[in-house]
Amino acid sequence: MALTAERKKYLRQLGHSLKPVVTVAGKGLSETVLKELNRALEDHELIKVKLQVEDKAATQAELCSSVDADLVQSIGNIVLIFRAAKQANPKLSNLLKGQI
C-alpha cells in the first residue's frame, strides 16, 4: 500500500516525538532484529529505527521490504516506518494513543 503525500505528512507529525525503538548495527538485519521489528510494528504501527551501518540506503530498502512496511521519512541515521496492524491495540498504537 503506497502512502499518499497527505498521509506521510500526518505520520511524520506523529513520529516527530517518537524515540527509536530498534537499532540496526554491525550485524545488519539479523533474524532477531527482524523479529523485534515485526513485534514493534504490530504493537505500535509507526516506529523509528536507528541505523548504525555503512550502507544506510540499501539497509533501509531491505528493512522495509523484509517487514512489509512503508518508509515514511529518513533523516540521517533515523528512519520512520509504518505498517498498519491487523488489529490495533489503542493502548500501544502510536496512531490511536491520542484517540482513547
N, C-alpha and C. Protein backbone atom coordinates (compact mmCIF):
# COMPACT_ATOMS: atom_id res chain seq x y z
N MET A 1 0.83 -1.18 0.00
CA MET A 1 0.00 0.00 0.00
C MET A 1 0.88 1.24 0.00
N ALA A 2 0.78 2.04 -1.04
CA ALA A 2 1.56 3.26 -1.13
C ALA A 2 0.88 4.37 -0.32
N LEU A 3 1.69 5.11 0.40
CA LEU A 3 1.16 6.20 1.22
C LEU A 3 1.03 7.46 0.39
N THR A 4 -0.05 8.19 0.58
CA THR A 4 -0.22 9.47 -0.10
C THR A 4 0.65 10.52 0.60
N ALA A 5 0.86 11.63 -0.08
CA ALA A 5 1.66 12.71 0.50
C ALA A 5 1.02 13.25 1.77
N GLU A 6 -0.30 13.35 1.79
CA GLU A 6 -1.00 13.84 2.98
C GLU A 6 -0.85 12.88 4.15
N ARG A 7 -0.96 11.59 3.86
CA ARG A 7 -0.82 10.57 4.91
C ARG A 7 0.61 10.58 5.47
N LYS A 8 1.61 10.70 4.58
CA LYS A 8 3.00 10.76 5.04
C LYS A 8 3.23 11.98 5.93
N LYS A 9 2.64 13.11 5.55
CA LYS A 9 2.79 14.32 6.35
C LYS A 9 2.21 14.11 7.74
N TYR A 10 1.03 13.51 7.81
CA TYR A 10 0.40 13.21 9.10
C TYR A 10 1.26 12.26 9.93
N LEU A 11 1.80 11.22 9.30
CA LEU A 11 2.63 10.25 10.02
C LEU A 11 3.94 10.89 10.49
N ARG A 12 4.50 11.79 9.70
CA ARG A 12 5.72 12.50 10.13
C ARG A 12 5.43 13.35 11.37
N GLN A 13 4.26 13.98 11.41
CA GLN A 13 3.87 14.77 12.58
C GLN A 13 3.79 13.89 13.82
N LEU A 14 3.17 12.73 13.67
CA LEU A 14 3.05 11.81 14.81
C LEU A 14 4.42 11.27 15.22
N GLY A 15 5.27 11.02 14.25
CA GLY A 15 6.58 10.41 14.52
C GLY A 15 7.61 11.36 15.07
N HIS A 16 7.33 12.65 15.00
CA HIS A 16 8.32 13.64 15.45
C HIS A 16 8.77 13.41 16.90
N SER A 17 7.85 13.10 17.77
CA SER A 17 8.18 12.95 19.19
C SER A 17 8.61 11.53 19.58
N LEU A 18 8.59 10.60 18.65
CA LEU A 18 8.95 9.21 18.97
C LEU A 18 10.45 9.04 19.12
N LYS A 19 10.84 8.10 19.91
CA LYS A 19 12.24 7.70 20.06
C LYS A 19 12.46 6.41 19.29
N PRO A 20 13.68 6.15 18.79
CA PRO A 20 13.94 4.89 18.10
C PRO A 20 13.72 3.69 19.04
N VAL A 21 13.01 2.68 18.55
CA VAL A 21 12.73 1.50 19.37
C VAL A 21 13.60 0.31 18.97
N VAL A 22 14.22 0.37 17.79
CA VAL A 22 15.09 -0.70 17.32
C VAL A 22 16.33 -0.06 16.71
N THR A 23 17.49 -0.67 16.94
CA THR A 23 18.74 -0.22 16.34
C THR A 23 19.30 -1.34 15.48
N VAL A 24 19.62 -1.01 14.24
CA VAL A 24 20.27 -1.96 13.33
C VAL A 24 21.74 -1.56 13.29
N ALA A 25 22.59 -2.46 13.77
CA ALA A 25 24.02 -2.14 13.88
C ALA A 25 24.87 -3.10 13.04
N GLY A 26 26.04 -3.41 13.53
CA GLY A 26 27.07 -4.17 12.82
C GLY A 26 26.63 -5.43 12.11
N LYS A 27 25.78 -6.23 12.72
CA LYS A 27 25.36 -7.49 12.10
C LYS A 27 24.23 -7.30 11.10
N GLY A 28 23.74 -6.08 10.95
CA GLY A 28 22.70 -5.80 9.97
C GLY A 28 21.35 -6.35 10.39
N LEU A 29 20.57 -6.76 9.42
CA LEU A 29 19.22 -7.25 9.66
C LEU A 29 19.23 -8.74 9.97
N SER A 30 19.60 -9.06 11.17
CA SER A 30 19.62 -10.47 11.60
C SER A 30 18.20 -10.93 11.86
N GLU A 31 18.03 -12.22 12.06
CA GLU A 31 16.71 -12.79 12.34
C GLU A 31 16.11 -12.18 13.60
N THR A 32 16.93 -11.96 14.61
CA THR A 32 16.46 -11.38 15.87
C THR A 32 15.96 -9.96 15.67
N VAL A 33 16.70 -9.17 14.90
CA VAL A 33 16.30 -7.78 14.63
C VAL A 33 14.99 -7.76 13.86
N LEU A 34 14.85 -8.65 12.88
CA LEU A 34 13.61 -8.70 12.10
C LEU A 34 12.41 -9.09 12.97
N LYS A 35 12.62 -10.02 13.91
CA LYS A 35 11.54 -10.40 14.82
C LYS A 35 11.13 -9.20 15.68
N GLU A 36 12.11 -8.46 16.18
CA GLU A 36 11.82 -7.30 17.02
C GLU A 36 11.12 -6.20 16.21
N LEU A 37 11.54 -6.00 14.96
CA LEU A 37 10.89 -5.02 14.10
C LEU A 37 9.43 -5.40 13.86
N ASN A 38 9.17 -6.68 13.57
CA ASN A 38 7.80 -7.15 13.35
C ASN A 38 6.95 -6.97 14.59
N ARG A 39 7.50 -7.28 15.76
CA ARG A 39 6.77 -7.12 17.01
C ARG A 39 6.46 -5.65 17.25
N ALA A 40 7.45 -4.78 17.08
CA ALA A 40 7.26 -3.35 17.31
C ALA A 40 6.23 -2.76 16.34
N LEU A 41 6.28 -3.17 15.08
CA LEU A 41 5.31 -2.67 14.11
C LEU A 41 3.91 -3.17 14.41
N GLU A 42 3.78 -4.41 14.86
CA GLU A 42 2.46 -4.95 15.19
C GLU A 42 1.88 -4.22 16.40
N ASP A 43 2.74 -3.88 17.37
CA ASP A 43 2.27 -3.17 18.57
C ASP A 43 2.01 -1.69 18.31
N HIS A 44 2.96 -1.02 17.66
CA HIS A 44 2.94 0.44 17.58
C HIS A 44 2.56 1.01 16.21
N GLU A 45 2.65 0.22 15.17
CA GLU A 45 2.33 0.61 13.79
C GLU A 45 3.30 1.63 13.19
N LEU A 46 3.68 2.64 13.92
CA LEU A 46 4.59 3.67 13.45
C LEU A 46 5.79 3.69 14.39
N ILE A 47 6.99 3.40 13.85
CA ILE A 47 8.18 3.34 14.71
C ILE A 47 9.36 4.03 14.04
N LYS A 48 10.31 4.42 14.89
CA LYS A 48 11.59 4.93 14.42
C LYS A 48 12.63 3.84 14.61
N VAL A 49 13.53 3.73 13.62
CA VAL A 49 14.61 2.75 13.66
C VAL A 49 15.92 3.50 13.46
N LYS A 50 16.89 3.19 14.29
CA LYS A 50 18.21 3.81 14.18
C LYS A 50 19.12 2.88 13.39
N LEU A 51 19.77 3.41 12.36
CA LEU A 51 20.67 2.62 11.51
C LEU A 51 22.11 3.01 11.80
N GLN A 52 22.88 2.05 12.27
CA GLN A 52 24.31 2.27 12.50
C GLN A 52 25.09 1.29 11.63
N VAL A 53 24.91 1.45 10.32
CA VAL A 53 25.54 0.58 9.34
C VAL A 53 26.20 1.44 8.27
N GLU A 54 27.06 0.80 7.45
CA GLU A 54 27.77 1.52 6.39
C GLU A 54 26.82 1.99 5.28
N ASP A 55 26.07 1.08 4.70
CA ASP A 55 25.21 1.39 3.56
C ASP A 55 23.76 1.57 4.03
N LYS A 56 23.44 2.78 4.44
CA LYS A 56 22.12 3.08 5.01
C LYS A 56 21.00 2.92 3.98
N ALA A 57 21.23 3.35 2.75
CA ALA A 57 20.18 3.29 1.72
C ALA A 57 19.78 1.85 1.43
N ALA A 58 20.75 0.98 1.27
CA ALA A 58 20.46 -0.43 0.99
C ALA A 58 19.80 -1.09 2.19
N THR A 59 20.26 -0.75 3.39
CA THR A 59 19.69 -1.34 4.61
C THR A 59 18.25 -0.90 4.81
N GLN A 60 17.96 0.37 4.57
CA GLN A 60 16.58 0.82 4.76
C GLN A 60 15.65 0.21 3.71
N ALA A 61 16.12 0.02 2.50
CA ALA A 61 15.29 -0.64 1.47
C ALA A 61 15.04 -2.09 1.84
N GLU A 62 16.07 -2.78 2.29
CA GLU A 62 15.94 -4.18 2.71
C GLU A 62 15.04 -4.30 3.94
N LEU A 63 15.19 -3.37 4.87
CA LEU A 63 14.37 -3.35 6.08
C LEU A 63 12.89 -3.24 5.73
N CYS A 64 12.55 -2.28 4.89
CA CYS A 64 11.13 -2.06 4.54
C CYS A 64 10.56 -3.26 3.79
N SER A 65 11.33 -3.84 2.89
CA SER A 65 10.80 -4.99 2.15
C SER A 65 10.73 -6.23 3.03
N SER A 66 11.64 -6.40 3.97
CA SER A 66 11.65 -7.58 4.83
C SER A 66 10.47 -7.62 5.79
N VAL A 67 10.05 -6.46 6.28
CA VAL A 67 8.94 -6.42 7.24
C VAL A 67 7.65 -5.89 6.62
N ASP A 68 7.66 -5.71 5.29
CA ASP A 68 6.49 -5.25 4.55
C ASP A 68 5.94 -3.94 5.13
N ALA A 69 6.84 -2.97 5.28
CA ALA A 69 6.47 -1.67 5.84
C ALA A 69 6.75 -0.58 4.83
N ASP A 70 6.13 0.57 5.03
CA ASP A 70 6.34 1.73 4.17
C ASP A 70 7.29 2.70 4.84
N LEU A 71 8.24 3.21 4.06
CA LEU A 71 9.15 4.24 4.55
C LEU A 71 8.41 5.56 4.55
N VAL A 72 8.36 6.20 5.71
CA VAL A 72 7.69 7.49 5.83
C VAL A 72 8.71 8.61 5.70
N GLN A 73 9.86 8.44 6.39
CA GLN A 73 10.86 9.50 6.40
C GLN A 73 12.22 8.92 6.75
N SER A 74 13.26 9.51 6.19
CA SER A 74 14.62 9.12 6.50
C SER A 74 15.45 10.39 6.68
N ILE A 75 15.96 10.57 7.90
CA ILE A 75 16.82 11.72 8.19
C ILE A 75 18.05 11.21 8.91
N GLY A 76 19.20 11.36 8.28
CA GLY A 76 20.46 10.91 8.89
C GLY A 76 20.44 9.43 9.17
N ASN A 77 20.62 9.06 10.43
CA ASN A 77 20.66 7.66 10.84
C ASN A 77 19.30 7.12 11.25
N ILE A 78 18.27 7.93 11.21
CA ILE A 78 16.95 7.54 11.71
C ILE A 78 15.96 7.40 10.56
N VAL A 79 15.22 6.28 10.55
CA VAL A 79 14.14 6.10 9.58
C VAL A 79 12.83 5.92 10.33
N LEU A 80 11.79 6.45 9.77
CA LEU A 80 10.44 6.33 10.32
C LEU A 80 9.67 5.41 9.38
N ILE A 81 9.18 4.28 9.92
CA ILE A 81 8.46 3.32 9.08
C ILE A 81 7.07 3.06 9.63
N PHE A 82 6.18 2.65 8.73
CA PHE A 82 4.78 2.43 9.09
C PHE A 82 4.28 1.13 8.48
N ARG A 83 3.54 0.38 9.28
CA ARG A 83 2.80 -0.78 8.79
C ARG A 83 1.54 -0.89 9.64
N ALA A 84 0.40 -0.87 8.98
CA ALA A 84 -0.87 -0.97 9.69
C ALA A 84 -0.98 -2.33 10.36
N ALA A 85 -1.40 -2.34 11.61
CA ALA A 85 -1.58 -3.58 12.36
C ALA A 85 -2.87 -4.27 11.92
N LYS A 86 -2.88 -5.58 12.02
CA LYS A 86 -4.09 -6.33 11.68
C LYS A 86 -5.22 -5.98 12.65
N GLN A 87 -4.86 -5.86 13.93
CA GLN A 87 -5.82 -5.47 14.95
C GLN A 87 -5.09 -4.56 15.93
N ALA A 88 -5.24 -3.26 15.75
CA ALA A 88 -4.50 -2.28 16.53
C ALA A 88 -5.00 -2.23 17.97
N ASN A 89 -4.04 -2.17 18.90
CA ASN A 89 -4.32 -2.02 20.32
C ASN A 89 -4.25 -0.53 20.65
N PRO A 90 -5.35 0.09 21.06
CA PRO A 90 -5.35 1.54 21.31
C PRO A 90 -4.36 1.98 22.38
N LYS A 91 -3.98 1.08 23.28
CA LYS A 91 -3.04 1.45 24.34
C LYS A 91 -1.59 1.44 23.85
N LEU A 92 -1.31 0.72 22.77
CA LEU A 92 0.06 0.62 22.26
C LEU A 92 0.29 1.38 20.96
N SER A 93 -0.71 1.44 20.12
CA SER A 93 -0.56 2.03 18.80
C SER A 93 -0.23 3.52 18.88
N ASN A 94 0.81 3.95 18.16
CA ASN A 94 1.16 5.35 18.12
C ASN A 94 0.13 6.16 17.34
N LEU A 95 -0.68 5.51 16.53
CA LEU A 95 -1.71 6.19 15.77
C LEU A 95 -2.97 6.40 16.59
N LEU A 96 -3.25 5.49 17.52
CA LEU A 96 -4.50 5.54 18.26
C LEU A 96 -4.38 6.09 19.68
N LYS A 97 -3.17 6.33 20.16
CA LYS A 97 -2.96 6.77 21.55
C LYS A 97 -3.74 8.04 21.87
N GLY A 98 -3.75 8.98 20.97
CA GLY A 98 -4.44 10.24 21.25
C GLY A 98 -5.94 10.15 21.14
N GLN A 99 -6.46 9.01 20.68
CA GLN A 99 -7.89 8.88 20.46
C GLN A 99 -8.60 8.11 21.56
N ILE A 100 -7.90 7.74 22.62
CA ILE A 100 -8.51 6.96 23.72
C ILE A 100 -9.43 7.84 24.52
